[in-house]
Protein backbone atom coordinates (compact mmCIF):
# COMPACT_ATOMS: atom_id res chain seq x y z
CA THR A 1 7.92 15.94 35.38
CA GLN A 2 10.02 13.85 37.71
CA PRO A 3 11.34 10.52 36.37
CA ASP A 4 9.16 8.52 38.79
CA GLY A 5 6.15 10.86 38.63
CA THR A 6 2.93 10.09 36.79
CA TRP A 7 1.03 12.44 34.53
CA MET A 8 -2.21 12.55 32.55
CA ARG A 9 -3.71 14.93 30.03
CA ALA A 10 -6.87 15.16 27.95
CA GLU A 11 -6.88 16.57 24.42
CA VAL A 12 -9.83 17.65 22.30
CA GLU A 13 -9.66 18.53 18.63
CA GLY A 14 -12.25 19.60 16.13
CA GLY A 15 -12.49 21.21 12.77
CA TYR A 16 -14.10 21.43 9.41
CA ARG A 17 -12.55 19.84 6.31
CA GLN A 18 -13.33 21.25 2.88
CA ILE A 19 -12.03 20.57 -0.62
CA LEU A 20 -11.12 24.00 -1.99
CA GLY A 21 -10.18 23.11 -5.54
CA GLY A 22 -9.88 20.28 -8.01
CA GLU A 23 -11.94 17.15 -8.33
CA LEU A 24 -11.52 13.40 -8.27
CA GLY A 25 -12.11 11.48 -11.45
CA ASN A 26 -13.44 7.97 -12.02
CA THR A 27 -11.03 5.02 -12.33
CA ILE A 28 -11.52 2.35 -14.97
CA ALA A 29 -9.90 -0.99 -14.08
CA LYS A 30 -9.84 -4.56 -15.33
CA PHE A 31 -8.55 -7.80 -13.83
CA GLU A 32 -6.71 -10.18 -16.12
CA GLY A 33 -9.25 -12.14 -18.14
CA GLY A 34 -12.17 -10.09 -16.77
CA ASP A 35 -14.39 -7.24 -17.93
CA ALA A 36 -13.58 -3.59 -17.36
CA PHE A 37 -15.36 -1.84 -14.47
CA THR A 38 -15.51 1.74 -13.16
CA LEU A 39 -14.82 2.95 -9.63
CA SER A 40 -16.72 6.20 -9.18
CA ALA A 41 -15.16 9.01 -7.14
CA ASP A 42 -16.97 10.34 -4.07
CA THR A 43 -18.85 13.60 -4.46
CA ARG A 44 -17.88 14.72 -0.98
CA THR A 45 -16.80 18.35 -0.62
CA ASP A 46 -16.77 19.06 3.13
CA GLY A 47 -17.53 17.74 6.61
CA TRP A 48 -16.92 18.08 10.34
CA ILE A 49 -14.16 16.21 12.17
CA GLY A 50 -13.51 15.80 15.89
CA GLY A 51 -11.71 13.71 18.44
CA PHE A 52 -10.97 13.14 22.10
CA ARG A 53 -7.69 11.72 23.40
CA LEU A 54 -6.61 10.72 26.92
CA VAL A 55 -2.86 10.25 27.48
CA GLY A 56 -1.03 9.33 30.69
CA GLY A 57 1.99 7.57 32.07
CA THR A 58 5.40 7.88 33.69
CA GLY A 59 8.85 8.80 32.41
CA THR A 60 9.35 5.42 30.70
CA LEU A 61 5.80 4.21 30.02
CA SER A 62 2.77 5.94 28.57
CA MET A 63 -0.64 4.82 27.36
CA ALA A 64 -3.15 6.64 25.19
CA GLY A 65 -6.73 6.12 24.06
CA GLU A 66 -8.43 8.09 21.29
CA VAL A 67 -11.92 8.29 19.81
CA SER A 68 -12.51 10.25 16.60
CA ALA A 69 -15.42 10.98 14.28
CA GLU A 70 -15.71 12.38 10.76
CA GLU A 71 -18.82 13.37 8.83
CA GLN A 72 -19.16 11.32 5.64
CA LEU A 73 -21.47 11.25 2.62
CA GLN A 74 -25.24 10.90 3.02
CA ASP A 75 -25.27 12.11 6.65
CA LYS A 76 -23.23 9.13 7.88
CA ILE A 77 -20.42 9.31 10.45
CA SER A 78 -17.13 7.45 10.40
CA LEU A 79 -15.90 6.49 13.89
CA GLY A 80 -12.36 5.54 14.86
CA VAL A 81 -10.79 4.16 18.04
CA ARG A 82 -7.06 3.92 18.74
CA LEU A 83 -5.12 2.58 21.73
CA SER A 84 -1.37 2.94 22.06
CA LEU A 85 1.40 1.99 24.46
CA ARG A 86 4.88 3.55 24.52
CA VAL A 87 7.75 1.95 26.44
CA GLY A 88 11.11 3.71 26.85
CA PHE A 89 14.42 1.93 27.46
């Protein structure tokens, strides 16, 4: 691109995440002066992921916005949003 030209692009990503081997164990912890407690590991083994990103700018300035989603336990979805700004000197 030319130094004073503007540009824009859209990006789409998707996939499937799966744990192929191993497992997570429980963690037993205790705060000073308190009782011990257990943090149980998730039983998740797989799930869909996807995202959409829009990026644009000039030679010295660019902005981006992204929305992503990931399938979680018990048929719930985790959503993420990210905005970024890049300035070149």
